[in-house]
Amino acid sequence: MALDLDYLQKWIGNTEKAEEELELWPVTAMMAALDVPAEDWPQRGDTLPPTAHWNYFVPRVPQSKIDTDGHPQRGDFLPPIPLPRRMWAGSRINYYNPLIIGEKITKTSTVQDIKVKEGKSGSLAFVTVKHAYSNTEGVALEEEQDLVYRDNPPAATGVPERKPAPEGAEWSREIHPDTPLLFRYSAVTFNAHKIHYDYPYATEVEGYPALIVHGQLIATFLLDNWQRNNPNDTVTRFSFKAMSPLFCGETFKAQGKPAESGNEDVLWACTTNGGLTMQADVAWK
């Protein structure tokens, strides 16, 4: 499918702004999904966990404006890219000041860039969106998200061949993503993307062999496991990139090791047989 890049790039600079209070319940719901003991859950007035900002400012469009894939219809804030598969491929997050549970914050989102190219599987479109979260101290957190759009495959595909994961993990946690976990994370992020809960849609329409584990959920497990093993360090930057889809029922490991020098540790997620599904890094102070 040929894409009209000149037309799509009219969305560059498109901005939307919203204000919201950081309520407690989405954080505690996420903690439960991460299997964190209740006595360790944060309270009102505590610092928001590093990836918990994804639990707020969720899309609240009317049901009549939900697209066939479960996402909000395109063409409003995001460009109307006519490719059916949509993925959150990665993020780069900078942390400047703490966000506090219970405070009111402002989120400003801007479409930064749109690119298209032809790949082996057809047309691809890449959209970069920048989000800035501000409180009374100014901008507390900035995130650049990479969204990828692509064609559906001509037929169902199996589990893709994966690159080997790094070796030498110094901390590791094994996670078993089942359908209740995917449902609970979709619920707490108000994410209606069908690839995470609608098995016939995921397998028969988008051609996956099973339901897809959320990239944000994998990233959250990676950073959560790093924090458990580095409780005295404060995150200043976190970035991740999806390397291969992870499917519901596939046990995976959230692993990592310190950087050879400096204060930027290496994180990754892999299957039990060592197939890389996500790579990440975290800077700290």
Protein backbone atom coordinates (compact mmCIF):
# COMPACT_ATOMS: atom_id res chain seq x y z
CA MET A 1 0.00 0.00 0.00
CA ALA A 2 1.47 3.35 -1.08
CA LEU A 3 1.37 5.98 1.64
CA ASP A 4 1.03 9.71 1.01
CA LEU A 5 3.86 10.99 3.20
CA ASP A 6 3.26 14.66 2.37
CA TYR A 7 -0.33 14.36 3.55
CA LEU A 8 0.54 12.42 6.71
CA GLN A 9 3.27 14.86 7.68
CA LYS A 10 0.63 17.56 8.09
CA TRP A 11 0.07 15.96 11.50
CA ILE A 12 3.62 16.83 12.62
CA GLY A 13 3.32 19.45 15.35
CA ASN A 14 -0.20 18.37 16.26
CA THR A 15 -0.55 18.91 20.02
CA GLU A 16 -3.04 18.01 22.72
CA LYS A 17 -3.03 18.89 26.41
CA ALA A 18 -4.88 17.44 29.40
CA GLU A 19 -4.87 17.76 33.18
CA GLU A 20 -5.42 14.92 35.63
CA GLU A 21 -4.97 13.99 39.27
CA LEU A 22 -2.65 11.06 39.98
CA GLU A 23 -5.15 8.94 41.86
CA LEU A 24 -3.96 6.05 44.00
CA TRP A 25 -6.00 3.16 42.67
CA PRO A 26 -4.29 2.72 39.26
CA VAL A 27 -0.92 2.41 41.01
CA THR A 28 -2.11 -0.18 43.52
CA ALA A 29 -3.87 -2.11 40.73
CA MET A 30 -0.62 -2.19 38.78
CA MET A 31 1.29 -3.29 41.88
CA ALA A 32 -1.14 -6.20 42.26
CA ALA A 33 -0.59 -7.18 38.62
CA LEU A 34 3.18 -7.08 39.19
CA ASP A 35 2.69 -9.38 42.20
CA VAL A 36 4.11 -6.81 44.62
CA PRO A 37 3.13 -7.55 48.27
CA ALA A 38 0.42 -5.18 49.52
CA GLU A 39 2.65 -3.91 52.33
CA ASP A 40 5.03 -2.53 49.68
CA TRP A 41 2.42 -0.63 47.68
CA PRO A 42 2.93 3.16 47.52
CA GLN A 43 0.54 5.51 49.30
CA ARG A 44 -0.91 8.92 48.53
CA GLY A 45 1.93 11.45 48.85
CA ASP A 46 4.59 8.94 47.71
CA THR A 47 6.59 9.22 44.50
CA LEU A 48 4.91 7.67 41.48
CA PRO A 49 6.75 4.50 40.30
CA PRO A 50 8.77 5.13 37.12
CA THR A 51 6.41 3.54 34.56
CA ALA A 52 3.13 4.22 36.39
CA HIS A 53 2.56 7.41 34.36
CA TRP A 54 1.21 5.04 31.66
CA ASN A 55 -1.77 4.39 33.95
CA TYR A 56 -3.01 7.97 33.54
CA PHE A 57 -4.32 10.11 30.68
CA VAL A 58 -5.66 6.96 29.07
CA PRO A 59 -7.78 7.44 25.91
CA ARG A 60 -11.41 8.01 26.90
CA VAL A 61 -13.00 8.29 23.48
CA PRO A 62 -16.66 7.31 23.07
CA GLN A 63 -17.27 3.65 22.22
CA SER A 64 -18.60 4.72 18.82
CA LYS A 65 -15.14 6.08 17.96
CA ILE A 66 -13.25 2.85 18.66
CA ASP A 67 -11.65 1.38 15.53
CA THR A 68 -11.75 -2.26 14.42
CA ASP A 69 -8.46 -3.02 16.24
CA GLY A 70 -9.77 -1.62 19.54
CA HIS A 71 -7.74 1.60 19.40
CA PRO A 72 -9.33 5.05 19.05
CA GLN A 73 -10.01 5.94 15.43
CA ARG A 74 -7.15 7.69 13.68
CA GLY A 75 -7.08 11.11 12.09
CA ASP A 76 -7.65 13.25 15.16
CA PHE A 77 -4.44 13.60 17.18
CA LEU A 78 -2.59 10.76 15.42
CA PRO A 79 -2.36 10.69 11.61
CA PRO A 80 -4.82 8.51 9.66
CA ILE A 81 -2.27 5.91 8.57
CA PRO A 82 -4.22 3.24 6.62
CA LEU A 83 -2.17 0.28 7.85
CA PRO A 84 -3.96 -2.17 10.17
CA ARG A 85 -1.19 -3.39 12.49
CA ARG A 86 -0.16 -0.91 15.14
CA MET A 87 2.60 -1.41 17.72
CA TRP A 88 4.29 0.60 20.46
CA ALA A 89 7.86 -0.22 19.48
CA GLY A 90 9.80 1.60 22.20
CA SER A 91 10.30 4.67 24.34
CA ARG A 92 12.97 6.98 25.71
CA ILE A 93 12.03 8.46 29.10
CA ASN A 94 13.83 11.19 31.06
CA TYR A 95 13.02 11.76 34.72
CA TYR A 96 13.69 15.26 36.08
CA ASN A 97 11.54 15.66 39.20
CA PRO A 98 9.30 13.25 41.12
CA LEU A 99 5.63 12.96 40.26
CA ILE A 100 3.66 12.63 43.49
CA ILE A 101 0.61 10.41 43.92
CA GLY A 102 -2.35 12.67 44.61
CA GLU A 103 -1.06 15.77 42.85
CA LYS A 104 -2.59 17.29 39.73
CA ILE A 105 -0.38 17.28 36.65
CA THR A 106 -0.56 18.37 33.02
CA LYS A 107 0.36 16.19 30.06
CA THR A 108 1.27 17.82 26.73
CA SER A 109 1.60 15.49 23.73
CA THR A 110 3.09 16.45 20.37
CA VAL A 111 3.54 14.52 17.13
CA GLN A 112 7.25 14.98 16.44
CA ASP A 113 7.98 12.98 13.32
CA ILE A 114 6.38 10.71 10.70
CA LYS A 115 8.34 8.50 8.30
CA VAL A 116 7.39 5.76 5.84
CA LYS A 117 9.40 3.07 4.09
CA GLU A 118 8.97 -0.17 2.20
CA GLY A 119 10.08 -3.34 3.94
CA LYS A 120 10.10 -7.02 3.04
CA SER A 121 6.59 -7.39 4.43
CA GLY A 122 5.21 -4.25 2.76
CA SER A 123 4.72 -0.63 3.76
CA LEU A 124 5.81 0.61 7.18
CA ALA A 125 5.05 3.90 8.91
CA PHE A 126 6.84 5.29 11.95
CA VAL A 127 5.36 7.96 14.20
CA THR A 128 7.27 9.58 17.07
CA VAL A 129 5.20 11.27 19.78
CA LYS A 130 6.63 13.31 22.64
CA HIS A 131 4.83 13.51 25.97
CA ALA A 132 5.72 16.01 28.71
CA TYR A 133 4.31 15.59 32.23
CA SER A 134 4.43 18.78 34.31
CA ASN A 135 3.64 19.68 37.91
CA THR A 136 4.19 22.82 39.98
CA GLU A 137 7.96 22.33 39.69
CA GLY A 138 7.86 22.34 35.88
CA VAL A 139 8.43 19.41 33.52
CA ALA A 140 8.92 16.33 35.68
CA LEU A 141 9.05 13.62 33.01
CA GLU A 142 9.47 13.56 29.24
CA GLU A 143 8.91 10.55 27.00
CA GLU A 144 9.39 9.95 23.30
CA GLN A 145 7.28 7.04 22.04
CA ASP A 146 7.86 5.21 18.77
CA LEU A 147 4.73 3.84 17.10
CA VAL A 148 4.98 1.47 14.13
CA TYR A 149 2.23 0.72 11.60
CA ARG A 150 2.37 -2.17 9.13
CA ASP A 151 0.25 -4.40 6.88
CA ASN A 152 -1.34 -7.61 8.08
CA PRO A 153 0.53 -10.70 6.84
CA PRO A 154 -1.02 -12.63 3.93
CA ALA A 155 -1.36 -15.69 6.19
CA ALA A 156 -0.97 -16.64 9.82
CA THR A 157 2.63 -16.62 11.00
CA GLY A 158 4.33 -18.74 13.62
CA VAL A 159 6.60 -17.66 16.44
CA PRO A 160 9.34 -15.52 14.83
CA GLU A 161 12.99 -16.41 14.97
CA ARG A 162 14.57 -14.35 17.75
CA LYS A 163 18.05 -13.00 18.28
CA PRO A 164 19.97 -14.46 21.22
CA ALA A 165 19.71 -12.48 24.46
CA PRO A 166 22.80 -11.12 26.23
CA GLU A 167 24.57 -13.36 28.71
CA GLY A 168 25.85 -12.76 32.21
CA ALA A 169 22.66 -11.56 33.91
CA GLU A 170 23.27 -10.51 37.52
CA TRP A 171 19.58 -10.28 38.34
CA SER A 172 16.73 -12.23 36.85
CA ARG A 173 13.03 -12.76 37.49
CA GLU A 174 10.85 -15.32 35.74
CA ILE A 175 7.36 -14.18 34.72
CA HIS A 176 4.45 -16.26 33.42
CA PRO A 177 2.15 -14.00 31.35
CA ASP A 178 -1.30 -15.56 31.25
CA THR A 179 -4.67 -14.21 30.12
CA PRO A 180 -5.64 -12.79 33.57
CA LEU A 181 -2.39 -10.79 33.67
CA LEU A 182 -2.98 -9.39 30.18
CA PHE A 183 -6.58 -8.56 31.07
CA ARG A 184 -5.64 -6.81 34.31
CA TYR A 185 -2.96 -4.70 32.64
CA SER A 186 -5.30 -3.80 29.77
CA ALA A 187 -7.90 -2.81 32.35
CA VAL A 188 -5.65 -0.61 34.48
CA THR A 189 -4.36 1.19 31.35
CA PHE A 190 -7.81 1.24 29.67
CA ASN A 191 -6.18 -0.39 26.64
CA ALA A 192 -8.73 -1.94 24.27
CA HIS A 193 -6.20 -3.09 21.64
CA LYS A 194 -7.62 -6.46 20.62
CA ILE A 195 -4.28 -8.22 20.16
CA HIS A 196 -4.04 -8.45 23.97
CA TYR A 197 -7.40 -10.15 24.70
CA ASP A 198 -9.27 -11.15 21.52
CA TYR A 199 -7.74 -14.47 20.44
CA PRO A 200 -9.68 -14.82 17.15
CA TYR A 201 -8.76 -11.27 16.16
CA ALA A 202 -5.08 -11.67 17.09
CA THR A 203 -4.70 -14.97 15.22
CA GLU A 204 -7.15 -14.73 12.33
CA VAL A 205 -6.92 -11.01 11.47
CA GLU A 206 -3.42 -9.91 12.47
CA GLY A 207 -1.88 -13.34 11.92
CA TYR A 208 -0.18 -13.85 15.29
CA PRO A 209 0.06 -17.35 16.78
CA ALA A 210 -1.41 -16.18 20.12
CA LEU A 211 -2.32 -13.10 22.15
CA ILE A 212 0.44 -10.48 22.46
CA VAL A 213 1.94 -9.43 25.79
CA HIS A 214 1.93 -5.62 26.08
CA GLY A 215 5.32 -4.05 25.39
CA GLN A 216 4.69 -1.57 28.23
CA LEU A 217 4.04 -4.47 30.61
CA ILE A 218 7.33 -6.15 29.69
CA ALA A 219 9.16 -2.83 30.11
CA THR A 220 7.47 -2.35 33.49
CA PHE A 221 8.65 -5.78 34.65
CA LEU A 222 12.19 -4.96 33.48
CA LEU A 223 12.38 -1.72 35.44
CA ASP A 224 10.55 -3.16 38.44
CA ASN A 225 13.07 -6.01 38.65
CA TRP A 226 15.95 -3.55 38.36
CA GLN A 227 14.52 -1.51 41.23
CA ARG A 228 14.14 -4.61 43.41
CA ASN A 229 17.84 -5.30 42.95
CA ASN A 230 18.98 -1.66 43.19
CA PRO A 231 16.72 -0.18 45.88
CA ASN A 232 19.04 2.73 46.74
CA ASP A 233 19.37 4.07 43.18
CA THR A 234 17.07 6.62 41.51
CA VAL A 235 16.15 6.32 37.83
CA THR A 236 17.10 9.30 35.66
CA ARG A 237 16.52 7.75 32.23
CA PHE A 238 14.93 4.58 30.91
CA SER A 239 14.68 3.45 27.32
CA PHE A 240 13.43 0.24 25.75
CA LYS A 241 12.96 -1.25 22.31
CA ALA A 242 10.77 -4.21 21.38
CA MET A 243 12.83 -6.78 19.49
CA SER A 244 10.26 -9.54 18.94
CA PRO A 245 6.65 -10.12 20.02
CA LEU A 246 6.14 -12.08 23.22
CA PHE A 247 3.07 -14.28 23.31
CA CYS A 248 0.64 -15.10 26.08
CA GLY A 249 1.72 -18.32 27.80
CA GLU A 250 5.40 -17.86 26.93
CA THR A 251 7.39 -17.72 30.15
CA PHE A 252 10.01 -14.99 29.99
CA LYS A 253 12.79 -13.61 32.14
CA ALA A 254 13.32 -9.98 33.13
CA GLN A 255 17.09 -9.75 33.36
CA GLY A 256 19.89 -7.23 33.64
CA LYS A 257 23.46 -6.48 34.61
CA PRO A 258 25.47 -3.40 35.56
CA ALA A 259 27.19 -1.43 32.85
CA GLU A 260 30.91 -2.11 32.42
CA SER A 261 31.52 1.50 33.35
CA GLY A 262 29.40 4.47 34.39
CA ASN A 263 25.88 4.42 35.75
CA GLU A 264 23.84 3.00 32.87
CA ASP A 265 22.76 -0.59 33.39
CA VAL A 266 21.70 -3.02 30.67
CA LEU A 267 18.31 -4.74 30.81
CA TRP A 268 16.58 -7.26 28.57
CA ALA A 269 13.66 -9.65 28.39
CA CYS A 270 14.07 -13.10 26.93
CA THR A 271 12.29 -16.42 26.64
CA THR A 272 13.43 -19.38 28.69
CA ASN A 273 15.43 -20.64 25.71
CA GLY A 274 17.28 -17.32 25.40
CA GLY A 275 15.32 -15.58 22.63
CA LEU A 276 15.50 -11.79 22.93
CA THR A 277 12.13 -10.01 23.05
CA MET A 278 13.09 -6.58 24.45
CA GLN A 279 16.27 -4.67 25.14
CA ALA A 280 16.55 -1.69 27.47
CA ASP A 281 18.88 0.46 29.51
CA VAL A 282 18.47 2.46 32.67
CA ALA A 283 20.57 5.40 33.91
CA TRP A 284 20.56 6.19 37.60
CA LYS A 285 22.03 8.37 40.31
